[in-house]
N, C-alpha and C. Protein backbone atom coordinates (compact mmCIF):
# COMPACT_ATOMS: atom_id res chain seq x y z
N MET A 1 -15.57 20.63 -2.77
CA MET A 1 -14.70 20.59 -3.93
C MET A 1 -13.69 19.46 -3.75
N SER A 2 -13.57 18.62 -4.72
CA SER A 2 -12.63 17.51 -4.61
C SER A 2 -11.25 17.95 -5.08
N ARG A 3 -10.25 17.34 -4.51
CA ARG A 3 -8.88 17.70 -4.88
C ARG A 3 -8.39 16.81 -6.01
N LYS A 4 -7.34 17.27 -6.65
CA LYS A 4 -6.73 16.51 -7.73
C LYS A 4 -5.92 15.36 -7.14
N ARG A 5 -6.03 14.18 -7.76
CA ARG A 5 -5.26 13.02 -7.28
C ARG A 5 -3.78 13.19 -7.59
N SER A 6 -2.96 12.67 -6.71
CA SER A 6 -1.52 12.66 -6.97
C SER A 6 -1.20 11.56 -7.97
N ARG A 7 -0.02 11.61 -8.53
CA ARG A 7 0.42 10.57 -9.46
C ARG A 7 0.44 9.22 -8.75
N LEU A 8 0.87 9.21 -7.51
CA LEU A 8 0.89 7.96 -6.73
C LEU A 8 -0.51 7.38 -6.59
N GLU A 9 -1.49 8.22 -6.28
CA GLU A 9 -2.87 7.75 -6.14
C GLU A 9 -3.39 7.18 -7.46
N ILE A 10 -3.03 7.81 -8.56
CA ILE A 10 -3.45 7.30 -9.87
C ILE A 10 -2.82 5.94 -10.14
N TYR A 11 -1.52 5.80 -9.86
CA TYR A 11 -0.85 4.51 -10.04
C TYR A 11 -1.54 3.43 -9.21
N LEU A 12 -1.83 3.75 -7.95
CA LEU A 12 -2.48 2.77 -7.08
C LEU A 12 -3.88 2.43 -7.57
N ASP A 13 -4.61 3.43 -8.06
CA ASP A 13 -5.94 3.17 -8.63
C ASP A 13 -5.85 2.20 -9.80
N ILE A 14 -4.88 2.41 -10.67
CA ILE A 14 -4.71 1.53 -11.83
C ILE A 14 -4.35 0.12 -11.37
N LEU A 15 -3.46 0.00 -10.41
CA LEU A 15 -3.09 -1.32 -9.89
C LEU A 15 -4.29 -2.03 -9.28
N HIS A 16 -5.12 -1.31 -8.54
CA HIS A 16 -6.33 -1.91 -7.96
C HIS A 16 -7.28 -2.40 -9.06
N VAL A 17 -7.45 -1.60 -10.10
CA VAL A 17 -8.34 -1.97 -11.21
C VAL A 17 -7.81 -3.24 -11.89
N LEU A 18 -6.51 -3.30 -12.13
CA LEU A 18 -5.92 -4.48 -12.77
C LEU A 18 -6.04 -5.71 -11.87
N LYS A 19 -5.85 -5.51 -10.58
CA LYS A 19 -5.97 -6.64 -9.65
C LYS A 19 -7.38 -7.22 -9.66
N LYS A 20 -8.38 -6.36 -9.86
CA LYS A 20 -9.77 -6.80 -9.89
C LYS A 20 -10.15 -7.46 -11.22
N GLY A 21 -9.23 -7.48 -12.20
CA GLY A 21 -9.48 -8.21 -13.43
C GLY A 21 -9.76 -7.38 -14.67
N GLU A 22 -9.89 -6.07 -14.52
CA GLU A 22 -10.06 -5.23 -15.71
C GLU A 22 -8.70 -5.11 -16.37
N ASN A 23 -8.59 -5.45 -17.64
CA ASN A 23 -7.26 -5.39 -18.26
C ASN A 23 -7.22 -4.70 -19.63
N LYS A 24 -8.37 -4.30 -20.15
CA LYS A 24 -8.39 -3.59 -21.43
C LYS A 24 -8.22 -2.10 -21.18
N PRO A 25 -7.44 -1.43 -22.03
CA PRO A 25 -7.15 -0.01 -21.80
C PRO A 25 -8.38 0.87 -21.63
N THR A 26 -9.42 0.67 -22.43
CA THR A 26 -10.61 1.52 -22.29
C THR A 26 -11.32 1.27 -20.97
N ARG A 27 -11.35 0.04 -20.52
CA ARG A 27 -11.98 -0.26 -19.22
C ARG A 27 -11.18 0.36 -18.08
N ILE A 28 -9.85 0.29 -18.19
CA ILE A 28 -8.98 0.92 -17.18
C ILE A 28 -9.25 2.43 -17.16
N MET A 29 -9.36 3.02 -18.34
CA MET A 29 -9.62 4.45 -18.46
C MET A 29 -10.91 4.84 -17.75
N TYR A 30 -11.98 4.10 -18.00
CA TYR A 30 -13.27 4.41 -17.37
C TYR A 30 -13.23 4.19 -15.86
N ARG A 31 -12.65 3.09 -15.43
CA ARG A 31 -12.63 2.75 -14.00
C ARG A 31 -11.78 3.73 -13.18
N THR A 32 -10.75 4.29 -13.81
CA THR A 32 -9.87 5.21 -13.08
C THR A 32 -10.19 6.68 -13.36
N ASN A 33 -11.17 6.92 -14.20
CA ASN A 33 -11.60 8.28 -14.52
C ASN A 33 -10.46 9.13 -15.09
N LEU A 34 -9.74 8.55 -16.04
CA LEU A 34 -8.66 9.25 -16.72
C LEU A 34 -9.01 9.43 -18.18
N SER A 35 -8.43 10.44 -18.81
CA SER A 35 -8.60 10.57 -20.25
C SER A 35 -7.52 9.74 -20.95
N TRP A 36 -7.70 9.54 -22.25
CA TRP A 36 -6.90 8.58 -23.00
C TRP A 36 -5.40 8.90 -23.01
N THR A 37 -5.03 10.13 -23.36
CA THR A 37 -3.61 10.47 -23.50
C THR A 37 -2.85 10.34 -22.18
N PRO A 38 -3.34 10.92 -21.09
CA PRO A 38 -2.62 10.71 -19.82
C PRO A 38 -2.54 9.24 -19.42
N LEU A 39 -3.62 8.49 -19.67
CA LEU A 39 -3.61 7.07 -19.33
C LEU A 39 -2.49 6.34 -20.07
N GLN A 40 -2.34 6.61 -21.36
CA GLN A 40 -1.30 5.95 -22.15
C GLN A 40 0.09 6.23 -21.60
N LYS A 41 0.34 7.49 -21.23
CA LYS A 41 1.65 7.85 -20.66
C LYS A 41 1.90 7.13 -19.34
N ILE A 42 0.87 7.08 -18.52
CA ILE A 42 1.01 6.43 -17.21
C ILE A 42 1.20 4.93 -17.37
N LEU A 43 0.43 4.29 -18.25
CA LEU A 43 0.59 2.85 -18.47
C LEU A 43 2.00 2.54 -18.98
N ASN A 44 2.51 3.34 -19.91
CA ASN A 44 3.87 3.12 -20.41
C ASN A 44 4.90 3.26 -19.30
N SER A 45 4.72 4.24 -18.43
CA SER A 45 5.62 4.43 -17.30
C SER A 45 5.57 3.23 -16.36
N MET A 46 4.37 2.75 -16.11
CA MET A 46 4.21 1.60 -15.20
C MET A 46 4.81 0.33 -15.80
N VAL A 47 4.71 0.17 -17.11
CA VAL A 47 5.34 -0.98 -17.78
C VAL A 47 6.86 -0.88 -17.63
N SER A 48 7.41 0.32 -17.88
CA SER A 48 8.87 0.47 -17.81
C SER A 48 9.40 0.26 -16.39
N GLN A 49 8.55 0.48 -15.38
CA GLN A 49 8.96 0.27 -13.99
C GLN A 49 8.71 -1.16 -13.51
N GLY A 50 8.09 -1.97 -14.36
CA GLY A 50 7.85 -3.37 -14.00
C GLY A 50 6.64 -3.59 -13.11
N LEU A 51 5.77 -2.58 -12.98
CA LEU A 51 4.57 -2.72 -12.16
C LEU A 51 3.48 -3.48 -12.89
N ILE A 52 3.46 -3.35 -14.21
CA ILE A 52 2.48 -4.02 -15.06
C ILE A 52 3.19 -4.50 -16.33
N VAL A 53 2.55 -5.41 -17.05
CA VAL A 53 3.05 -5.85 -18.35
C VAL A 53 1.96 -5.64 -19.39
N LYS A 54 2.40 -5.38 -20.62
CA LYS A 54 1.46 -5.21 -21.72
C LYS A 54 1.55 -6.44 -22.62
N ARG A 55 0.42 -7.02 -22.93
CA ARG A 55 0.34 -8.16 -23.84
C ARG A 55 -0.44 -7.72 -25.08
N GLU A 56 0.09 -8.05 -26.25
CA GLU A 56 -0.59 -7.70 -27.49
C GLU A 56 -0.88 -8.96 -28.27
N ASN A 57 -2.11 -9.07 -28.74
CA ASN A 57 -2.54 -10.21 -29.54
C ASN A 57 -3.34 -9.66 -30.70
N LYS A 58 -2.77 -9.72 -31.89
CA LYS A 58 -3.39 -9.13 -33.08
C LYS A 58 -3.65 -7.66 -32.83
N SER A 59 -4.90 -7.25 -32.77
CA SER A 59 -5.20 -5.83 -32.56
C SER A 59 -5.57 -5.51 -31.12
N LYS A 60 -5.53 -6.51 -30.25
CA LYS A 60 -5.91 -6.31 -28.84
C LYS A 60 -4.69 -6.06 -27.97
N LYS A 61 -4.87 -5.13 -27.03
CA LYS A 61 -3.85 -4.88 -26.01
C LYS A 61 -4.51 -5.11 -24.66
N ILE A 62 -3.80 -5.81 -23.80
CA ILE A 62 -4.26 -5.93 -22.42
C ILE A 62 -3.08 -5.67 -21.49
N TYR A 63 -3.41 -5.27 -20.28
CA TYR A 63 -2.41 -5.00 -19.26
C TYR A 63 -2.66 -5.91 -18.07
N LEU A 64 -1.58 -6.42 -17.50
CA LEU A 64 -1.67 -7.32 -16.35
C LEU A 64 -0.74 -6.81 -15.25
N ILE A 65 -1.18 -6.97 -14.02
CA ILE A 65 -0.36 -6.56 -12.89
C ILE A 65 0.74 -7.60 -12.67
N THR A 66 1.93 -7.14 -12.33
CA THR A 66 3.06 -8.05 -12.07
C THR A 66 3.16 -8.31 -10.57
N GLU A 67 4.06 -9.20 -10.21
CA GLU A 67 4.30 -9.47 -8.79
C GLU A 67 4.79 -8.21 -8.09
N LYS A 68 5.63 -7.44 -8.77
CA LYS A 68 6.10 -6.17 -8.20
C LYS A 68 4.92 -5.23 -7.95
N GLY A 69 3.99 -5.15 -8.90
CA GLY A 69 2.80 -4.32 -8.73
C GLY A 69 1.95 -4.78 -7.56
N LEU A 70 1.79 -6.09 -7.42
CA LEU A 70 1.04 -6.63 -6.28
C LEU A 70 1.73 -6.30 -4.95
N ASN A 71 3.06 -6.36 -4.94
CA ASN A 71 3.81 -6.02 -3.73
C ASN A 71 3.61 -4.55 -3.35
N VAL A 72 3.61 -3.68 -4.35
CA VAL A 72 3.38 -2.25 -4.11
C VAL A 72 2.00 -2.05 -3.50
N LEU A 73 0.99 -2.70 -4.06
CA LEU A 73 -0.38 -2.60 -3.52
C LEU A 73 -0.44 -3.07 -2.08
N ARG A 74 0.16 -4.21 -1.80
CA ARG A 74 0.16 -4.75 -0.44
C ARG A 74 0.82 -3.78 0.54
N TYR A 75 1.93 -3.21 0.11
CA TYR A 75 2.68 -2.27 0.94
C TYR A 75 1.81 -1.06 1.30
N PHE A 76 1.18 -0.44 0.31
CA PHE A 76 0.38 0.75 0.58
C PHE A 76 -0.92 0.42 1.31
N ASP A 77 -1.49 -0.74 1.05
CA ASP A 77 -2.68 -1.14 1.80
C ASP A 77 -2.34 -1.34 3.28
N LYS A 78 -1.16 -1.88 3.54
CA LYS A 78 -0.71 -2.08 4.92
C LYS A 78 -0.51 -0.73 5.61
N ILE A 79 0.06 0.23 4.91
CA ILE A 79 0.25 1.57 5.47
C ILE A 79 -1.09 2.20 5.80
N LYS A 80 -2.07 2.07 4.90
CA LYS A 80 -3.40 2.64 5.14
C LYS A 80 -4.03 2.06 6.40
N GLU A 81 -3.78 0.78 6.67
CA GLU A 81 -4.31 0.15 7.88
C GLU A 81 -3.66 0.71 9.15
N MET A 82 -2.41 1.14 9.03
CA MET A 82 -1.65 1.56 10.19
C MET A 82 -1.88 3.02 10.59
N ILE A 83 -2.32 3.85 9.65
CA ILE A 83 -2.47 5.27 9.95
C ILE A 83 -3.88 5.75 9.60
N THR A 84 -4.24 6.85 10.20
CA THR A 84 -5.51 7.50 9.89
C THR A 84 -5.21 8.82 9.21
N ILE A 85 -5.73 9.00 8.01
CA ILE A 85 -5.52 10.24 7.27
C ILE A 85 -6.83 11.01 7.30
N GLU A 86 -6.77 12.18 7.91
CA GLU A 86 -7.98 13.00 8.02
C GLU A 86 -7.99 14.04 6.90
N PRO A 87 -9.18 14.40 6.43
CA PRO A 87 -9.27 15.38 5.34
C PRO A 87 -8.83 16.77 5.74
């Protein structure tokens, strides 16, 4: 049985997806295995914290990772290298 992801894990998953170049909301939704409504709330929270930015062009919305978001990813990736987390 798999456990539910923490909010932090979801944020990091979204940042990883954006870093890899996926930037459309539906693609982010599929790649992170989230439903639409929770994804929208999380993306808005991440925008307000400066981790990502939202760009709108006519009817298209895209999200891009910011330097702050990249720093957060680097920080947590470094921690993962330093410790072993057992199930």
